[in-house]
Amino acid sequence: MNQKKQLTIFQENNVPIIMIDEDERSLSEYAKELSSFMSLNNISILETTKSTAIIRPSKISSILIDNINISEYEEDKKPQIKTSGRKEPIKKKKQKKVDIITDVD
C-alpha cells in the first residue's frame, strides 16, 4: 500500500499549514532532516513532492508528521455535503394574490 507523509506545520498565531509528501524514507529519517530545517533563521523554502511553502522557521512552534494511506488522503479531499437535521421534505407555501396598493390622500 502506497503511503504518503502529511506535515502539519504549527506557527505562531496562524492557522496550521498542511502539506503532503510522497517521500519513501522512515519517519525517523524524515524527522531528522526536517529538524535541520527548523534550525534555520532566515526565510526558507520547504518543498515537498506535492507543494512548496515559503516559511520563516523561527516562527514555527512544531511540525507533526503522519504516515497516511492514499485512500485516506483522497477521502479527505472529497467535497463534504452539509445536510440539515430535517428528515421531511420542505413543503411549498401557497402564494396568495395581493391587491395593488395605490397612493392614499
N, C-alpha and C. Protein backbone atom coordinates (compact mmCIF):
# COMPACT_ATOMS: atom_id res chain seq x y z
N MET A 1 0.85 -1.18 0.00
CA MET A 1 0.00 0.00 0.00
C MET A 1 0.89 1.24 0.00
N ASN A 2 0.64 2.13 -0.90
CA ASN A 2 1.45 3.33 -1.04
C ASN A 2 1.09 4.34 0.06
N GLN A 3 2.10 4.80 0.78
CA GLN A 3 1.86 5.75 1.86
C GLN A 3 2.46 7.11 1.53
N LYS A 4 1.89 8.11 2.11
CA LYS A 4 2.38 9.48 1.99
C LYS A 4 2.60 10.02 3.38
N LYS A 5 3.36 11.08 3.46
CA LYS A 5 3.56 11.77 4.74
C LYS A 5 2.77 13.07 4.71
N GLN A 6 2.07 13.30 5.79
CA GLN A 6 1.33 14.55 5.93
C GLN A 6 2.04 15.38 6.98
N LEU A 7 2.44 16.59 6.59
CA LEU A 7 3.09 17.52 7.52
C LEU A 7 2.06 18.54 7.96
N THR A 8 1.93 18.74 9.24
CA THR A 8 1.08 19.80 9.78
C THR A 8 2.00 20.76 10.50
N ILE A 9 2.13 21.96 9.97
CA ILE A 9 3.08 22.95 10.49
C ILE A 9 2.30 23.95 11.33
N PHE A 10 2.65 24.03 12.61
CA PHE A 10 2.00 24.96 13.53
C PHE A 10 2.90 26.18 13.70
N GLN A 11 2.34 27.36 13.44
CA GLN A 11 3.07 28.61 13.54
C GLN A 11 2.45 29.50 14.60
N GLU A 12 3.20 30.51 14.99
CA GLU A 12 2.69 31.48 15.97
C GLU A 12 1.49 32.23 15.38
N ASN A 13 0.37 32.19 16.07
CA ASN A 13 -0.84 32.96 15.74
C ASN A 13 -1.33 32.77 14.32
N ASN A 14 -1.17 31.60 13.74
CA ASN A 14 -1.64 31.32 12.38
C ASN A 14 -2.32 29.97 12.32
N VAL A 15 -3.10 29.79 11.30
CA VAL A 15 -3.75 28.51 11.03
C VAL A 15 -2.66 27.53 10.59
N PRO A 16 -2.74 26.27 11.01
CA PRO A 16 -1.73 25.30 10.59
C PRO A 16 -1.67 25.12 9.08
N ILE A 17 -0.48 24.87 8.58
CA ILE A 17 -0.26 24.58 7.16
C ILE A 17 -0.16 23.07 7.04
N ILE A 18 -0.91 22.48 6.10
CA ILE A 18 -0.86 21.04 5.89
C ILE A 18 -0.26 20.78 4.51
N MET A 19 0.79 19.95 4.49
CA MET A 19 1.47 19.61 3.25
C MET A 19 1.55 18.09 3.13
N ILE A 20 1.55 17.60 1.90
CA ILE A 20 1.65 16.16 1.63
C ILE A 20 2.97 15.90 0.91
N ASP A 21 3.64 14.81 1.30
CA ASP A 21 4.91 14.43 0.68
C ASP A 21 4.89 12.93 0.42
N GLU A 22 5.37 12.53 -0.75
CA GLU A 22 5.42 11.11 -1.12
C GLU A 22 6.79 10.50 -0.84
N ASP A 23 7.52 11.02 0.10
CA ASP A 23 8.86 10.53 0.45
C ASP A 23 8.77 9.11 1.01
N GLU A 24 9.70 8.25 0.60
CA GLU A 24 9.68 6.83 0.99
C GLU A 24 10.46 6.55 2.28
N ARG A 25 11.18 7.52 2.80
CA ARG A 25 12.01 7.28 4.00
C ARG A 25 11.17 7.01 5.23
N SER A 26 11.82 6.46 6.25
CA SER A 26 11.13 6.21 7.52
C SER A 26 10.83 7.55 8.19
N LEU A 27 9.89 7.52 9.13
CA LEU A 27 9.53 8.75 9.85
C LEU A 27 10.73 9.33 10.60
N SER A 28 11.56 8.48 11.20
CA SER A 28 12.71 9.00 11.97
C SER A 28 13.71 9.71 11.07
N GLU A 29 14.02 9.12 9.90
CA GLU A 29 14.95 9.79 8.97
C GLU A 29 14.36 11.10 8.46
N TYR A 30 13.10 11.05 8.14
CA TYR A 30 12.41 12.24 7.62
C TYR A 30 12.40 13.35 8.67
N ALA A 31 12.11 12.98 9.91
CA ALA A 31 12.07 13.96 11.00
C ALA A 31 13.44 14.58 11.25
N LYS A 32 14.50 13.79 11.16
CA LYS A 32 15.85 14.33 11.36
C LYS A 32 16.18 15.39 10.32
N GLU A 33 15.83 15.12 9.06
CA GLU A 33 16.11 16.11 8.02
C GLU A 33 15.26 17.36 8.22
N LEU A 34 14.03 17.18 8.61
CA LEU A 34 13.15 18.32 8.84
C LEU A 34 13.60 19.14 10.05
N SER A 35 14.19 18.50 11.05
CA SER A 35 14.67 19.24 12.22
C SER A 35 15.85 20.15 11.86
N SER A 36 16.64 19.77 10.87
CA SER A 36 17.72 20.66 10.42
C SER A 36 17.14 21.90 9.75
N PHE A 37 16.00 21.75 9.09
CA PHE A 37 15.30 22.90 8.50
C PHE A 37 14.84 23.86 9.60
N MET A 38 14.39 23.31 10.71
CA MET A 38 13.88 24.13 11.82
C MET A 38 14.96 25.00 12.45
N SER A 39 16.23 24.63 12.31
CA SER A 39 17.32 25.40 12.93
C SER A 39 17.69 26.65 12.14
N LEU A 40 17.15 26.81 10.93
CA LEU A 40 17.46 27.97 10.11
C LEU A 40 16.78 29.23 10.67
N ASN A 41 17.41 30.38 10.46
CA ASN A 41 16.86 31.64 10.96
C ASN A 41 16.19 32.47 9.87
N ASN A 42 16.64 32.33 8.64
CA ASN A 42 16.11 33.15 7.54
C ASN A 42 14.85 32.55 6.96
N ILE A 43 14.18 33.33 6.14
CA ILE A 43 13.03 32.81 5.41
C ILE A 43 13.54 31.71 4.50
N SER A 44 12.84 30.58 4.49
CA SER A 44 13.31 29.41 3.75
C SER A 44 12.19 28.82 2.93
N ILE A 45 12.55 27.98 1.98
CA ILE A 45 11.58 27.29 1.14
C ILE A 45 11.52 25.84 1.57
N LEU A 46 10.33 25.39 1.95
CA LEU A 46 10.10 23.98 2.30
C LEU A 46 9.35 23.36 1.13
N GLU A 47 10.02 22.42 0.45
CA GLU A 47 9.45 21.83 -0.74
C GLU A 47 9.17 20.35 -0.53
N THR A 48 7.95 19.93 -0.85
CA THR A 48 7.59 18.51 -0.81
C THR A 48 7.26 18.10 -2.24
N THR A 49 6.90 16.83 -2.43
CA THR A 49 6.57 16.37 -3.78
C THR A 49 5.27 16.97 -4.29
N LYS A 50 4.41 17.43 -3.40
CA LYS A 50 3.10 17.96 -3.79
C LYS A 50 2.98 19.48 -3.72
N SER A 51 3.82 20.14 -2.91
CA SER A 51 3.66 21.59 -2.74
C SER A 51 4.94 22.22 -2.22
N THR A 52 4.95 23.54 -2.22
CA THR A 52 6.08 24.32 -1.74
C THR A 52 5.56 25.45 -0.86
N ALA A 53 6.25 25.72 0.24
CA ALA A 53 5.86 26.81 1.14
C ALA A 53 7.08 27.66 1.44
N ILE A 54 6.87 28.95 1.51
CA ILE A 54 7.92 29.89 1.94
C ILE A 54 7.63 30.19 3.40
N ILE A 55 8.58 29.85 4.26
CA ILE A 55 8.34 29.87 5.71
C ILE A 55 9.51 30.50 6.43
N ARG A 56 9.22 31.15 7.56
CA ARG A 56 10.26 31.59 8.48
C ARG A 56 10.32 30.54 9.59
N PRO A 57 11.33 29.66 9.57
CA PRO A 57 11.40 28.56 10.55
C PRO A 57 11.37 29.03 12.00
N SER A 58 11.88 30.22 12.28
CA SER A 58 11.88 30.70 13.66
C SER A 58 10.47 30.96 14.19
N LYS A 59 9.49 31.06 13.31
CA LYS A 59 8.09 31.29 13.72
C LYS A 59 7.29 29.99 13.86
N ILE A 60 7.92 28.85 13.53
CA ILE A 60 7.25 27.56 13.63
C ILE A 60 7.40 27.04 15.06
N SER A 61 6.29 26.69 15.68
CA SER A 61 6.36 26.15 17.03
C SER A 61 6.54 24.63 17.01
N SER A 62 5.91 23.95 16.03
CA SER A 62 6.08 22.49 15.92
C SER A 62 5.62 22.01 14.56
N ILE A 63 6.05 20.79 14.22
CA ILE A 63 5.62 20.13 12.98
C ILE A 63 5.21 18.70 13.35
N LEU A 64 4.01 18.33 12.96
CA LEU A 64 3.52 16.97 13.17
C LEU A 64 3.66 16.22 11.85
N ILE A 65 4.29 15.03 11.89
CA ILE A 65 4.48 14.21 10.70
C ILE A 65 3.69 12.92 10.88
N ASP A 66 2.79 12.63 9.94
CA ASP A 66 1.97 11.42 9.99
C ASP A 66 2.14 10.65 8.69
N ASN A 67 2.15 9.32 8.78
CA ASN A 67 2.03 8.47 7.59
C ASN A 67 0.55 8.32 7.30
N ILE A 68 0.16 8.54 6.05
CA ILE A 68 -1.23 8.36 5.67
C ILE A 68 -1.29 7.47 4.43
N ASN A 69 -2.36 6.74 4.27
CA ASN A 69 -2.58 5.95 3.07
C ASN A 69 -3.20 6.83 2.01
N ILE A 70 -2.97 6.51 0.76
CA ILE A 70 -3.53 7.31 -0.32
C ILE A 70 -5.04 7.36 -0.22
N SER A 71 -5.68 6.24 0.09
CA SER A 71 -7.14 6.21 0.16
C SER A 71 -7.65 7.16 1.24
N GLU A 72 -6.97 7.26 2.40
CA GLU A 72 -7.37 8.19 3.46
C GLU A 72 -7.24 9.62 2.97
N TYR A 73 -6.14 9.91 2.28
CA TYR A 73 -5.89 11.26 1.79
C TYR A 73 -6.95 11.65 0.76
N GLU A 74 -7.25 10.76 -0.18
CA GLU A 74 -8.23 11.05 -1.21
C GLU A 74 -9.62 11.21 -0.60
N GLU A 75 -9.94 10.43 0.43
CA GLU A 75 -11.23 10.53 1.09
C GLU A 75 -11.39 11.89 1.77
N ASP A 76 -10.30 12.42 2.35
CA ASP A 76 -10.35 13.72 3.00
C ASP A 76 -10.57 14.84 1.98
N LYS A 77 -10.16 14.64 0.75
CA LYS A 77 -10.25 15.68 -0.27
C LYS A 77 -11.61 15.73 -0.95
N LYS A 78 -12.48 14.71 -0.72
CA LYS A 78 -13.79 14.72 -1.34
C LYS A 78 -14.61 15.85 -0.73
N PRO A 79 -15.39 16.53 -1.56
CA PRO A 79 -16.22 17.63 -1.01
C PRO A 79 -17.24 17.10 -0.03
N GLN A 80 -17.37 17.81 1.06
CA GLN A 80 -18.34 17.44 2.09
C GLN A 80 -19.66 18.14 1.81
N ILE A 81 -20.74 17.39 1.86
CA ILE A 81 -22.07 17.96 1.65
C ILE A 81 -22.74 18.07 3.00
N LYS A 82 -23.09 19.29 3.36
CA LYS A 82 -23.75 19.51 4.65
C LYS A 82 -25.25 19.35 4.47
N THR A 83 -25.85 18.62 5.37
CA THR A 83 -27.29 18.45 5.33
C THR A 83 -27.87 18.96 6.64
N SER A 84 -29.09 19.42 6.56
CA SER A 84 -29.75 19.88 7.79
C SER A 84 -30.29 18.67 8.53
N GLY A 85 -30.70 18.86 9.75
CA GLY A 85 -31.23 17.78 10.55
C GLY A 85 -32.66 17.42 10.18
N ARG A 86 -33.24 18.12 9.22
CA ARG A 86 -34.63 17.92 8.82
C ARG A 86 -34.76 16.61 8.05
N LYS A 87 -35.73 15.78 8.44
CA LYS A 87 -35.93 14.49 7.77
C LYS A 87 -37.05 14.53 6.75
N GLU A 88 -37.98 15.44 6.91
CA GLU A 88 -39.10 15.51 5.99
C GLU A 88 -38.85 16.60 4.94
N PRO A 89 -39.37 16.44 3.74
CA PRO A 89 -39.13 17.44 2.69
C PRO A 89 -39.79 18.78 3.03
N ILE A 90 -39.21 19.82 2.53
CA ILE A 90 -39.76 21.16 2.75
C ILE A 90 -40.98 21.34 1.85
N LYS A 91 -42.09 21.76 2.44
CA LYS A 91 -43.32 21.96 1.67
C LYS A 91 -43.37 23.39 1.17
N LYS A 92 -43.85 23.53 -0.06
CA LYS A 92 -44.00 24.87 -0.63
C LYS A 92 -45.25 25.51 -0.03
N LYS A 93 -45.13 26.80 0.27
CA LYS A 93 -46.29 27.54 0.78
C LYS A 93 -47.10 28.05 -0.40
N LYS A 94 -48.42 28.11 -0.19
CA LYS A 94 -49.29 28.65 -1.23
C LYS A 94 -49.12 30.16 -1.28
N GLN A 95 -49.05 30.67 -2.49
CA GLN A 95 -48.94 32.11 -2.65
C GLN A 95 -50.34 32.71 -2.78
N LYS A 96 -50.55 33.82 -2.05
CA LYS A 96 -51.84 34.50 -2.12
C LYS A 96 -51.69 35.75 -2.99
N LYS A 97 -52.69 36.00 -3.78
CA LYS A 97 -52.67 37.17 -4.63
C LYS A 97 -53.02 38.41 -3.79
N VAL A 98 -52.24 39.46 -3.93
CA VAL A 98 -52.43 40.67 -3.15
C VAL A 98 -52.86 41.80 -4.08
N ASP A 99 -53.87 42.60 -3.62
CA ASP A 99 -54.29 43.76 -4.41
C ASP A 99 -53.18 44.80 -4.45
N ILE A 100 -53.12 45.54 -5.51
CA ILE A 100 -52.12 46.60 -5.65
C ILE A 100 -52.56 47.78 -4.81
N ILE A 101 -51.67 48.29 -3.99
CA ILE A 101 -51.96 49.43 -3.14
C ILE A 101 -51.52 50.69 -3.88
N THR A 102 -52.44 51.67 -3.93
CA THR A 102 -52.11 52.93 -4.60
C THR A 102 -51.91 54.01 -3.55
N ASP A 103 -51.43 55.14 -3.99
CA ASP A 103 -51.21 56.26 -3.08
C ASP A 103 -52.50 56.67 -2.39
N VAL A 104 -52.40 57.06 -1.13
CA VAL A 104 -53.55 57.49 -0.36
C VAL A 104 -53.42 59.00 -0.12
N ASP A 105 -54.58 59.73 -0.22
CA ASP A 105 -54.56 61.17 0.04
C ASP A 105 -54.49 61.48 1.50
